[in-house]
């Protein structure tokens, strides 16, 4: 089974072609790959540039793409042969970006796109970078439930155990010893936890806890 790692320019070109193939049915990524293979085999920089997404074209000018194609003509020809191989397989992934910046990832399988991950429902990260991106997103949303889903089972169990112990220790707050120091207060909670309060404008708020 031949699988070819494509350069960023090639990936941008294939993404545009795949979206352009959308009709009444599912887009055909193989058609996009074949079109790119023909352009790569010819060394047709203008055709490859035309296949690139608008964002990719903003990052690389037409002249830059021409220079890349000229310098990597042999590699592009090799990619073209591999893409045209009978045992080649094209895997299609789509990313849908929402107005609030969240993304959903979809993989094409059995003639239909299926959601593999979404901002509110993090999937299994395939790379460390994807795991970090999921962490950033759940923290940006201040989503406790989302955070629990991206943590490892051991870390999640440890945090949940600590929180349960804190909740249990706070069952009867009126019975807990409070140490006052002006506008600050410290409460020792059963189970080894401590809660620190601060009074601002006459209102007590939680300043920290462990």
Foldseek 3Di string as FASTA:
>chain_A
DFDDDDDPLLVQLLVQQQVVQDDVFHGDSLVSLLQQLVCLLVLPLVSSLVSGDPVVCVVAPSVRSSVVSVVCSVVSNVSSVRSPDPPDDDKDKDWDADPVGWIWIWTDDPRDTDTQATLVRGHDDPDPVSLVVSCVSCVVVVPPVSNLNSDDPVVSVVVVVVVVQQVVQCPPVVPWDWDDDPQKIWTQTPPGKIWIWGADPNDIDTPDMD
